[in-house]
Protein backbone atom coordinates (compact mmCIF):
# COMPACT_ATOMS: atom_id res chain seq x y z
CA MET A 1 114.69 -8.70 -7.17
CA GLY A 2 115.06 -5.08 -8.61
CA GLU A 3 118.74 -5.17 -9.60
CA LEU A 4 118.57 -8.34 -11.00
CA ARG A 5 115.30 -7.92 -13.34
CA GLU A 6 117.02 -4.93 -14.78
CA GLU A 7 120.02 -6.04 -15.24
CA LEU A 8 118.34 -9.30 -16.86
CA LEU A 9 116.04 -7.09 -19.30
CA ASP A 10 119.21 -4.95 -20.42
CA ARG A 11 120.77 -8.49 -21.25
CA LEU A 12 117.75 -10.00 -22.90
CA GLU A 13 117.32 -7.13 -25.63
CA THR A 14 120.13 -9.10 -27.91
CA ARG A 15 118.02 -12.25 -26.70
CA ALA A 16 115.00 -11.94 -29.20
CA ASP A 17 114.26 -15.70 -29.12
CA MET A 18 114.08 -15.61 -25.17
CA ALA A 19 109.93 -15.13 -23.93
CA ARG A 20 109.47 -13.25 -21.50
CA ARG A 21 105.89 -13.61 -19.50
CA GLU A 22 104.62 -11.45 -16.65
CA ILE A 23 102.64 -13.56 -14.22
CA SER A 24 100.61 -12.73 -11.00
CA PHE A 25 100.16 -14.97 -7.85
CA GLY A 26 98.50 -14.46 -4.50
CA ARG A 27 96.49 -10.86 -4.37
CA THR A 28 99.07 -8.47 -6.05
CA ALA A 29 102.33 -9.79 -6.06
CA ARG A 30 103.73 -10.50 -9.56
CA ALA A 31 106.71 -12.81 -11.22
CA LEU A 32 108.61 -12.73 -14.26
CA MET A 33 109.41 -16.23 -15.84
CA LEU A 34 111.90 -16.72 -18.65
CA TYR A 35 112.02 -19.35 -20.53
CA ILE A 36 113.40 -20.69 -24.72
CA PRO A 37 110.16 -22.10 -26.81
CA GLY A 38 111.08 -25.21 -28.43
CA MET A 39 113.13 -25.95 -25.74
CA VAL A 40 110.99 -26.42 -23.18
CA GLN A 41 108.25 -29.62 -22.95
CA GLU A 42 105.16 -27.58 -22.81
CA SER A 43 103.34 -29.35 -20.33
CA LYS A 44 105.53 -28.75 -17.86
CA LEU A 45 105.44 -25.16 -18.50
CA GLU A 46 101.77 -25.26 -18.39
CA ALA A 47 102.06 -26.94 -15.05
CA LEU A 48 104.33 -24.30 -14.11
CA ARG A 49 101.76 -21.71 -15.10
CA THR A 50 98.83 -23.27 -13.42
CA GLU A 51 100.28 -23.80 -10.10
CA MET A 52 101.55 -20.29 -9.82
CA ALA A 53 97.49 -19.20 -11.06
CA ALA A 54 96.34 -21.52 -8.66
CA PHE A 55 98.47 -19.99 -5.25
CA PRO A 56 96.48 -19.26 -2.66
CA ALA A 57 95.52 -15.67 -1.57
CA PRO A 58 96.61 -15.15 2.38
CA GLU A 59 93.56 -14.39 4.43
CA HIS A 60 94.92 -11.51 6.06
CA PRO A 61 96.91 -8.66 3.80
CA GLU A 62 100.77 -10.16 3.51
CA ASP A 63 103.57 -8.13 1.73
CA GLY A 64 105.25 -8.88 -1.31
CA GLU A 65 108.19 -10.64 0.55
CA ALA A 66 106.12 -13.30 2.72
CA ALA A 67 104.21 -14.12 -0.49
CA ALA A 68 107.17 -14.38 -2.67
CA GLU A 69 108.61 -16.62 0.24
CA ARG A 70 105.77 -19.01 0.54
CA LEU A 71 105.98 -19.24 -3.25
CA LYS A 72 109.34 -19.95 -3.13
CA LEU A 73 109.09 -22.94 -0.59
CA ARG A 74 106.02 -24.36 -2.60
CA LEU A 75 107.94 -24.23 -6.11
CA GLN A 76 111.01 -26.07 -4.29
CA ALA A 77 108.51 -28.62 -2.65
CA SER A 78 108.08 -29.02 -6.72
CA GLY A 79 111.60 -29.71 -8.01
CA ALA A 80 112.47 -25.98 -8.47
CA GLU A 81 116.03 -24.61 -7.41
CA ARG A 82 117.35 -21.49 -5.64
CA TRP A 83 119.68 -20.31 -8.04
CA THR A 84 122.54 -18.07 -6.16
CA GLY A 85 125.16 -18.23 -9.28
CA GLY A 86 125.72 -15.24 -11.21
CA LEU A 87 123.76 -13.79 -14.22
CA GLU A 88 125.73 -16.10 -17.26
CA GLU A 89 125.57 -18.73 -15.61
CA LEU A 90 121.68 -18.48 -14.98
CA LEU A 91 120.98 -17.20 -18.73
CA LYS A 92 123.36 -20.44 -19.74
CA GLU A 93 120.54 -22.91 -17.66
CA VAL A 94 117.78 -21.21 -19.53
CA GLN A 95 119.32 -21.67 -22.78
CA GLU A 96 119.26 -25.45 -22.14
CA GLY A 97 115.96 -25.74 -21.82
CA SER A 98 115.09 -24.49 -17.58
CA THR A 99 112.34 -21.93 -16.72
CA ALA A 100 113.58 -19.20 -14.79
CA LEU A 101 110.99 -17.15 -12.27
CA LEU A 102 111.95 -13.94 -10.61
CA ALA A 103 109.46 -12.83 -7.84
CA GLU A 104 109.28 -9.76 -6.47
CA GLY A 105 110.53 -10.28 -3.07
CA LEU A 106 113.05 -12.76 -3.79
CA PRO A 107 116.35 -11.32 -4.10
CA ASP A 108 117.24 -14.46 -6.23
CA ALA A 109 115.62 -16.19 -9.19
CA LEU A 110 114.10 -20.10 -9.40
CA LEU A 111 115.04 -22.44 -11.63
CA VAL A 112 112.36 -25.18 -12.61
CA ASP A 113 113.68 -28.40 -14.98
CA THR A 114 111.52 -27.86 -18.22
CA ARG A 115 113.98 -29.25 -20.60
CA HIS A 116 112.84 -31.18 -23.63
CA ILE A 117 115.26 -30.72 -26.84
CA GLU A 118 113.95 -33.02 -29.67
CA ALA A 119 116.47 -35.55 -30.87
CA ARG A 120 116.37 -38.05 -33.70
CA SER A 121 114.97 -41.35 -32.68
CA LEU A 122 117.57 -44.17 -32.22
CA GLU A 123 117.51 -46.33 -35.73
CA GLU A 124 120.04 -48.54 -37.88
CA PRO A 125 123.43 -47.72 -38.06
CA ILE A 126 124.15 -45.83 -41.52
CA SER A 127 128.11 -46.27 -41.77
CA GLU A 128 128.07 -49.66 -40.39
CA ALA A 129 125.50 -52.22 -41.58
CA VAL A 130 125.64 -55.79 -40.44
CA LEU A 131 123.40 -58.78 -41.93
CA ARG A 132 123.33 -60.01 -38.85
CA GLY A 133 123.46 -58.23 -35.16
CA PRO A 134 121.44 -55.35 -33.58
CA ARG A 135 119.69 -53.11 -35.35
CA ILE A 136 120.10 -50.00 -33.35
CA GLY A 137 122.79 -47.21 -33.05
CA PHE A 138 123.44 -44.06 -31.10
CA CYS A 139 121.60 -40.97 -31.91
CA GLU A 140 122.15 -37.27 -31.57
CA SER A 141 121.23 -37.08 -27.76
CA LEU A 142 124.23 -37.78 -24.92
CA GLU A 143 121.68 -38.79 -22.32
CA LYS A 144 120.12 -41.53 -25.26
CA ASN A 145 123.14 -42.86 -26.07
CA ALA A 146 124.33 -43.13 -22.23
CA ALA A 147 121.39 -44.90 -21.53
CA LEU A 148 121.62 -47.19 -24.81
CA LEU A 149 124.53 -48.36 -23.23
CA ARG A 150 123.27 -48.96 -19.56
CA SER A 151 120.76 -50.89 -21.77
CA TYR A 152 122.63 -53.72 -22.44
CA GLY A 153 122.46 -55.46 -18.89
CA SER A 154 123.29 -54.72 -15.34
CA VAL A 155 127.17 -53.95 -15.76
CA PRO A 156 127.56 -52.54 -11.92
CA ASP A 157 131.50 -51.79 -13.17
CA LEU A 158 130.04 -49.66 -16.11
CA ALA A 159 131.98 -45.92 -15.06
CA MET A 160 130.70 -42.54 -16.71
CA GLU A 161 132.60 -39.41 -16.12
CA ARG A 162 131.09 -36.29 -17.21
CA LEU A 163 133.29 -33.14 -19.04
CA GLU A 164 132.52 -30.06 -20.82
CA VAL A 165 134.16 -28.81 -24.06
CA GLY A 166 134.24 -25.34 -25.70
CA SER A 167 134.86 -21.84 -24.64
CA ALA A 168 132.04 -20.24 -26.12
CA VAL A 169 129.60 -22.78 -26.99
CA ARG A 170 130.13 -25.55 -23.95
CA LYS A 171 128.50 -29.04 -24.70
CA PRO A 172 128.73 -32.00 -22.07
CA LEU A 173 131.14 -35.75 -22.78
CA LEU A 174 131.02 -38.58 -20.94
CA ILE A 175 134.22 -40.79 -20.46
CA VAL A 176 132.54 -44.46 -20.64
CA TYR A 177 134.88 -47.39 -19.32
CA MET A 178 134.84 -50.80 -16.77
CA ARG A 179 136.20 -49.93 -13.65
CA ASP A 180 138.03 -53.11 -13.07
CA VAL A 181 138.98 -53.97 -16.67
CA VAL A 182 140.09 -50.42 -18.08
CA GLN A 183 143.78 -49.96 -18.88
CA ALA A 184 145.70 -48.64 -16.57
CA GLY A 185 146.54 -44.87 -16.94
CA LEU A 186 144.10 -44.39 -19.76
CA ILE A 187 141.26 -42.59 -17.71
CA GLU A 188 143.35 -39.57 -16.63
CA GLU A 189 145.54 -39.59 -19.91
CA MET A 190 142.21 -39.11 -21.50
CA LYS A 191 140.88 -36.52 -19.00
CA LEU A 192 144.08 -34.52 -19.41
CA ARG A 193 143.97 -34.32 -22.83
CA ILE A 194 140.34 -33.55 -22.89
CA ARG A 195 140.64 -30.80 -20.22
CA GLY A 196 143.49 -29.26 -22.34
CA LEU A 197 141.35 -28.74 -25.51
CA GLU A 198 141.30 -25.34 -26.79
CA GLY A 199 138.60 -24.01 -29.22
CA ASP A 200 135.15 -22.65 -29.16
CA ASP A 201 133.01 -25.03 -30.28
CA PHE A 202 133.17 -28.97 -31.01
CA PRO A 203 129.87 -29.55 -33.01
CA GLU A 204 130.98 -33.15 -33.90
CA SER A 205 133.25 -35.62 -32.05
CA GLY A 206 136.22 -35.65 -35.32
CA TYR A 207 137.10 -32.47 -33.75
CA ILE A 208 137.82 -33.84 -30.14
CA GLU A 209 139.52 -37.21 -32.23
CA GLN A 210 142.00 -34.81 -34.18
CA MET A 211 143.04 -32.59 -31.20
CA ILE A 212 143.71 -35.67 -28.66
CA GLU A 213 145.37 -38.16 -31.05
CA ASP A 214 148.89 -39.09 -30.33
CA ASN A 215 150.18 -38.18 -33.63
CA SER A 216 148.32 -35.70 -36.12
CA TYR A 217 150.31 -36.19 -39.23
CA SER A 218 149.91 -39.71 -39.44
CA PRO A 219 147.40 -40.45 -42.67
CA PHE A 220 146.11 -43.66 -39.99
CA GLN A 221 143.52 -42.60 -37.42
CA GLN A 222 143.95 -43.20 -33.29
CA LEU A 223 140.54 -43.76 -32.42
CA GLN A 224 137.85 -45.53 -33.91
CA ASN A 225 134.77 -43.86 -34.62
CA THR A 226 131.75 -45.84 -34.77
CA GLU A 227 127.64 -45.59 -33.98
CA ARG A 228 127.02 -49.23 -32.71
CA PRO A 229 126.94 -49.16 -28.97
CA ASP A 230 127.87 -53.21 -29.18
CA ARG A 231 131.32 -52.40 -30.87
CA VAL A 232 131.60 -49.87 -28.30
CA MET A 233 130.52 -52.10 -25.17
CA SER A 234 133.04 -54.93 -26.78
CA GLY A 235 135.82 -52.34 -26.66
CA LEU A 236 135.15 -51.33 -22.76
CA LEU A 237 135.59 -55.20 -21.70
CA GLU A 238 138.55 -55.36 -24.00
CA GLY A 239 139.81 -52.53 -21.31
CA ARG A 240 139.16 -49.36 -23.89
CA ALA A 241 137.35 -46.36 -22.98
CA ALA A 242 134.91 -44.72 -25.03
CA ILE A 243 133.68 -40.96 -26.09
CA LEU A 244 130.55 -40.14 -25.87
CA LEU A 245 129.38 -35.81 -26.64
CA GLU A 246 126.38 -34.17 -27.34
CA GLY A 247 125.18 -33.41 -30.43
CA THR A 248 126.76 -36.21 -32.62
CA PRO A 249 125.71 -40.30 -32.99
CA PHE A 250 129.84 -41.36 -32.99
CA ALA A 251 131.28 -42.56 -30.32
CA LEU A 252 135.22 -42.55 -29.93
CA ILE A 253 137.06 -45.89 -29.02
CA ALA A 254 140.62 -45.63 -27.77
CA PRO A 255 143.59 -46.90 -27.81
CA PHE A 256 142.90 -47.98 -31.71
CA THR A 257 145.10 -50.95 -33.14
CA LEU A 258 145.72 -51.86 -36.72
CA PRO A 259 143.70 -55.20 -36.04
CA MET A 260 140.56 -53.20 -35.33
CA ILE A 261 140.75 -51.97 -39.12
CA ILE A 262 139.09 -55.53 -40.60
CA GLN A 263 136.77 -56.27 -37.35
CA SER A 264 133.87 -56.03 -37.48
CA PRO A 265 130.88 -57.37 -34.57
CA GLU A 266 129.26 -59.47 -37.43
CA ASP A 267 132.42 -61.45 -37.17
CA TYR A 268 131.69 -62.81 -33.29
CA TYR A 269 127.74 -63.23 -34.34
CA GLU A 270 128.45 -65.61 -37.07
CA ARG A 271 131.05 -69.20 -36.32
CA TRP A 272 134.53 -68.75 -36.41
CA LEU A 273 135.29 -70.59 -39.19
CA PRO A 274 133.05 -68.11 -41.64
CA GLY A 275 134.37 -64.78 -39.57
CA SER A 276 137.47 -66.01 -39.66
CA LEU A 277 137.36 -66.40 -43.66
CA ILE A 278 135.57 -62.91 -44.15
CA ARG A 279 138.17 -61.43 -42.09
CA MET A 280 141.07 -62.70 -44.07
CA LEU A 281 138.93 -61.83 -46.89
CA ARG A 282 139.02 -58.08 -46.06
CA PHE A 283 143.00 -58.48 -44.86
CA PHE A 284 143.94 -59.53 -48.45
CA SER A 285 141.22 -56.64 -49.85
CA ALA A 286 143.22 -54.34 -47.97
CA LEU A 287 146.38 -55.24 -49.53
CA ILE A 288 144.88 -55.35 -53.19
CA ALA A 289 143.36 -51.67 -52.59
CA MET A 290 146.75 -50.02 -51.36
CA PHE A 291 149.05 -51.96 -54.15
CA THR A 292 147.53 -53.12 -57.09
CA PRO A 293 147.69 -49.74 -58.85
CA ALA A 294 151.21 -49.34 -57.73
CA LEU A 295 152.64 -52.89 -58.27
CA TYR A 296 150.63 -52.60 -62.46
CA ILE A 297 152.87 -49.58 -62.64
CA ALA A 298 156.09 -51.09 -61.80
CA PHE A 299 155.08 -54.33 -63.78
CA THR A 300 154.27 -52.74 -67.09
CA SER A 301 156.84 -49.61 -67.18
CA PHE A 302 159.86 -51.44 -65.07
CA HIS A 303 159.74 -55.03 -64.68
CA PRO A 304 157.97 -56.47 -67.91
CA GLY A 305 160.12 -59.15 -67.75
CA LEU A 306 158.86 -61.17 -64.57
CA ILE A 307 155.09 -61.18 -66.16
CA PRO A 308 154.45 -64.49 -67.58
CA THR A 309 155.09 -64.29 -71.28
CA LYS A 310 151.49 -64.56 -72.39
CA LEU A 311 149.96 -62.24 -69.90
CA ALA A 312 152.71 -59.65 -71.03
CA LEU A 313 152.02 -60.56 -74.80
CA THR A 314 148.26 -59.54 -73.53
CA VAL A 315 149.24 -56.66 -71.78
CA VAL A 316 151.49 -54.84 -74.18
CA GLY A 317 149.17 -55.52 -77.06
CA ALA A 318 146.18 -54.21 -75.04
CA ARG A 319 148.81 -50.68 -74.13
CA GLN A 320 149.29 -50.04 -78.08
CA GLY A 321 148.15 -46.52 -79.20
CA VAL A 322 148.03 -45.35 -75.51
CA PRO A 323 149.83 -41.72 -75.30
CA PHE A 324 150.26 -41.78 -71.37
CA PRO A 325 153.12 -44.08 -69.52
CA SER A 326 151.27 -45.98 -66.84
CA LEU A 327 151.73 -43.50 -63.59
CA ILE A 328 149.49 -41.03 -65.75
CA GLU A 329 147.16 -43.36 -67.11
CA ALA A 330 146.86 -45.02 -63.63
CA LEU A 331 146.15 -41.62 -62.10
CA ILE A 332 143.30 -40.13 -64.82
CA MET A 333 141.57 -43.67 -63.52
CA GLU A 334 142.09 -43.15 -60.08
CA VAL A 335 141.16 -39.34 -59.68
CA SER A 336 137.80 -39.85 -61.66
CA LEU A 337 136.88 -43.01 -59.57
CA GLU A 338 137.83 -40.81 -56.48
CA ASN A 339 135.42 -38.10 -58.26
CA LEU A 340 132.86 -40.49 -58.70
CA ARG A 341 132.93 -41.89 -54.82
CA GLU A 342 132.51 -38.23 -53.88
CA ALA A 343 129.70 -37.11 -55.96
CA GLY A 344 127.56 -40.48 -55.01
CA LEU A 345 128.20 -39.50 -51.77
CA ARG A 346 127.03 -35.92 -51.90
CA LEU A 347 124.09 -36.51 -54.30
CA PRO A 348 120.35 -37.47 -53.44
CA LYS A 349 120.23 -41.20 -51.75
CA PRO A 350 117.73 -42.09 -55.32
CA ILE A 351 120.48 -41.24 -57.89
CA GLY A 352 123.29 -41.75 -56.00
CA PRO A 353 124.34 -45.31 -56.56
CA ALA A 354 123.15 -45.05 -59.93
CA MET A 355 125.33 -42.35 -61.12
CA GLY A 356 127.74 -44.08 -59.50
CA ILE A 357 127.78 -47.21 -61.42
CA VAL A 358 126.59 -45.35 -64.85
CA GLY A 359 129.20 -43.31 -64.53
CA GLY A 360 132.36 -44.97 -64.00
CA LEU A 361 130.72 -47.79 -66.66
CA ILE A 362 130.63 -44.54 -69.54
CA ILE A 363 134.31 -42.96 -68.29
CA GLY A 364 136.11 -46.48 -68.65
CA GLU A 365 133.98 -47.30 -71.86
CA ALA A 366 134.51 -44.00 -73.51
CA ALA A 367 138.21 -43.76 -72.14
CA VAL A 368 138.75 -47.12 -73.66
CA GLN A 369 137.31 -46.47 -76.74
CA ALA A 370 139.10 -43.47 -77.16
CA GLY A 371 142.26 -45.08 -76.48
CA ILE A 372 142.92 -43.07 -73.68
CA ILE A 373 142.96 -45.89 -71.37
CA SER A 374 144.53 -49.96 -71.67
CA PRO A 375 141.75 -52.24 -71.42
CA ILE A 376 143.60 -54.18 -68.52
CA LEU A 377 143.81 -50.73 -66.05
CA VAL A 378 140.22 -50.31 -66.29
CA ILE A 379 140.15 -54.05 -65.06
CA VAL A 380 142.76 -53.08 -62.17
CA VAL A 381 140.78 -50.06 -61.33
CA ALA A 382 137.79 -51.80 -60.71
CA ILE A 383 138.76 -54.98 -58.42
CA THR A 384 140.90 -51.53 -56.34
CA ALA A 385 137.36 -49.71 -56.03
CA ILE A 386 135.91 -53.08 -54.73
CA SER A 387 138.44 -53.98 -52.86
CA SER A 388 138.41 -50.48 -50.77
CA PHE A 389 134.55 -51.48 -50.58
CA VAL A 390 135.22 -54.23 -47.99
CA ILE A 391 136.90 -52.45 -45.07
CA PRO A 392 134.37 -52.06 -42.65
CA VAL A 393 135.91 -49.02 -41.30
CA TYR A 394 135.45 -46.09 -43.29
CA SER A 395 137.80 -43.90 -42.03
CA ALA A 396 140.58 -46.29 -42.77
CA GLY A 397 139.30 -46.86 -45.97
CA ILE A 398 140.03 -43.17 -46.54
CA SER A 399 143.44 -44.03 -44.94
CA ILE A 400 144.32 -46.73 -47.33
CA ARG A 401 142.80 -45.19 -50.44
CA MET A 402 145.41 -41.83 -49.97
CA LEU A 403 148.11 -44.22 -49.35
CA ARG A 404 147.59 -46.18 -52.74
CA PHE A 405 148.78 -42.64 -54.16
CA GLY A 406 151.59 -42.78 -52.12
CA ALA A 407 152.59 -46.44 -53.42
CA MET A 408 151.51 -45.81 -57.27
CA PHE A 409 154.24 -42.59 -57.11
CA SER A 410 156.52 -45.03 -55.61
CA ALA A 411 156.54 -47.26 -58.37
CA ALA A 412 156.29 -44.81 -61.12
CA VAL A 413 160.00 -43.65 -59.83
CA TYR A 414 161.68 -46.79 -58.78
CA GLY A 415 159.55 -49.40 -59.72
CA LEU A 416 158.91 -52.86 -57.79
CA TYR A 417 162.02 -51.69 -55.64
CA GLY A 418 159.97 -48.47 -54.92
CA VAL A 419 156.87 -50.10 -53.68
CA VAL A 420 159.28 -52.13 -51.42
CA LEU A 421 160.48 -49.31 -50.08
CA PHE A 422 157.43 -47.89 -49.56
CA PHE A 423 156.06 -50.88 -47.54
CA LEU A 424 159.27 -50.68 -45.77
CA LEU A 425 158.65 -46.80 -44.63
CA LEU A 426 154.92 -47.47 -43.70
CA LEU A 427 155.87 -50.49 -41.84
CA SER A 428 158.00 -48.21 -39.76
CA HIS A 429 155.65 -46.13 -39.62
CA LEU A 430 153.58 -48.22 -38.07
CA SER A 431 155.79 -49.58 -36.00
CA ARG A 432 156.48 -46.43 -33.60
CA LEU A 433 152.97 -45.08 -33.75
CA LYS A 434 150.91 -45.22 -31.03
CA SER A 435 147.16 -44.96 -29.16
CA PHE A 436 147.30 -43.23 -25.89
CA GLY A 437 150.37 -45.42 -25.26
CA THR A 438 149.66 -48.42 -26.59
CA PRO A 439 151.56 -49.61 -29.85
CA PHE A 440 149.28 -49.46 -33.03
CA LEU A 441 150.53 -52.52 -33.90
CA ARG A 442 149.76 -54.48 -30.79
CA PRO A 443 149.44 -57.59 -30.61
CA LEU A 444 152.10 -58.01 -32.93
CA GLY A 445 155.14 -58.52 -30.95
CA SER A 446 153.09 -59.38 -27.80
CA TYR A 447 155.03 -62.90 -26.14
CA ARG A 448 151.40 -64.80 -25.56
CA ALA A 449 149.73 -67.15 -27.78
CA HIS A 450 146.60 -66.21 -26.56
CA ASP A 451 146.64 -62.07 -27.65
CA PHE A 452 146.76 -63.45 -31.41
CA LYS A 453 143.21 -65.63 -30.88
CA ASP A 454 141.23 -62.69 -32.47
CA MET A 455 143.49 -61.02 -34.77
CA LEU A 456 143.52 -62.45 -38.68
CA VAL A 457 141.94 -65.21 -38.05
CA ARG A 458 139.28 -65.51 -35.09
CA PHE A 459 139.45 -68.76 -32.59
CA PRO A 460 136.15 -70.26 -31.54
CA LEU A 461 134.65 -68.09 -28.78
CA PRO A 462 134.93 -71.12 -25.87
CA ALA A 463 139.26 -70.44 -26.82
CA MET A 464 138.98 -66.96 -26.15
CA LEU A 465 136.92 -66.23 -22.72
CA GLU A 466 140.52 -65.21 -21.62
CA ARG A 467 140.73 -61.51 -21.69
CA ARG A 468 144.17 -60.07 -23.64
CA ARG A 469 146.53 -59.15 -21.35
CA PHE A 470 147.95 -56.04 -23.41
CA LEU A 471 144.73 -54.21 -23.20
CA ALA A 472 143.51 -55.41 -20.01
CA ALA A 473 144.21 -53.35 -16.43
CA ASP A 474 146.57 -55.76 -14.50
CA ARG A 475 144.90 -56.91 -11.60
CA ARG A 476 148.04 -58.10 -9.70
CA ASP A 477 149.83 -54.63 -9.87
CA PRO A 478 147.07 -51.77 -10.64
CA ALA A 479 150.19 -49.07 -10.87
CA LYS A 480 152.10 -51.37 -12.99
CA PRO A 481 151.66 -49.83 -16.72
CA SER A 482 149.53 -52.55 -19.06
CA GLU A 483 151.47 -54.48 -20.97
């Protein structure tokens, strides 16, 4: 142990958080114990100390190697492992919560599993609240998240494969999928992309999401992030796969398709008629949130003749005295709204919502009274803001808010033709976008009517028992690509 001990002590000079304790056992033998306070379970550490203190001394004198060998056999019977790896790997194990024991007379160290990592308890998801459904979400512990998926019931086909990411800070990661259901070739492609990741640290799943997606320049996400285990399990049963990362409560689901933007787990917990009505409401709200300010600019600046006469007179009368063109007027209100929204997120919870509401009312009323903004535009911006809150996927809502500005500039240049051109360019981009090889617009373009039963309208559950083929693995020919 001499050389290993000296090398360890040299390396520990830059690791002030690592505790070093000299413990005696037997009669005269000694051992060095290494651990990090706060990352070990004190009860396990105290049990190890007690066992070494109570280590029986032999009736006849023996050398240190014999005593160390007896100690090794006793501790291995209690679960300790003999460490034969390098020094860096040993320190890595200690940094993850294990306790290393270097006994005089042993050439190698003993590792005892004493890990105890503090983790947040399982709570209701903050970003995906529902009125009806499970009230539990993921936490920052990978082990708890994996156990949470296992606790959904006896699922023999549920598979979990472990990988590690990060070159400087190594973090465990799980790929979760259903063996007989997962889309053909998805897991191999996912492993290939994850193993090719280059980076010192991946503190959150958003890092992985950005580095393994198909098109980094698209305004749309190609993986879904969620805190809800029920949403992950539903995706797995549809043939998708999930990624769980240590240190974050957000799981990633792939492939991600356009209909998932307006889908919520609550749609399936209610009857099909209310669920379909709410889903259609979300779809039209997304269109309103993206195109309403652009249509206001197009009609007021280029096509006032397309507006009914009475409404046109009202709009023109409301805009009298406004010194800015429609585009600048809309930009002032939209940028102010985005600032208020961001400020509401960053402020403390007790004053965040109040600040957003009061700030919006004060700024809107003051702008109208000053003659800078027309009252009609305040109504348009308010409807747009309310519609954007209806989108259940927060990241998708950000994409829609971003595209809204593109539609506004197109309308300011070409009027209604610019809005139509922007919409066609958007459809062209979506038709080419893929998520792990699956077209983003699926099931659009599918020749099977069953694939449309869970799109804009959710059919009754008895009519949706058949799994959709465009995601599920082809059981007839596993080597055949998924349709």
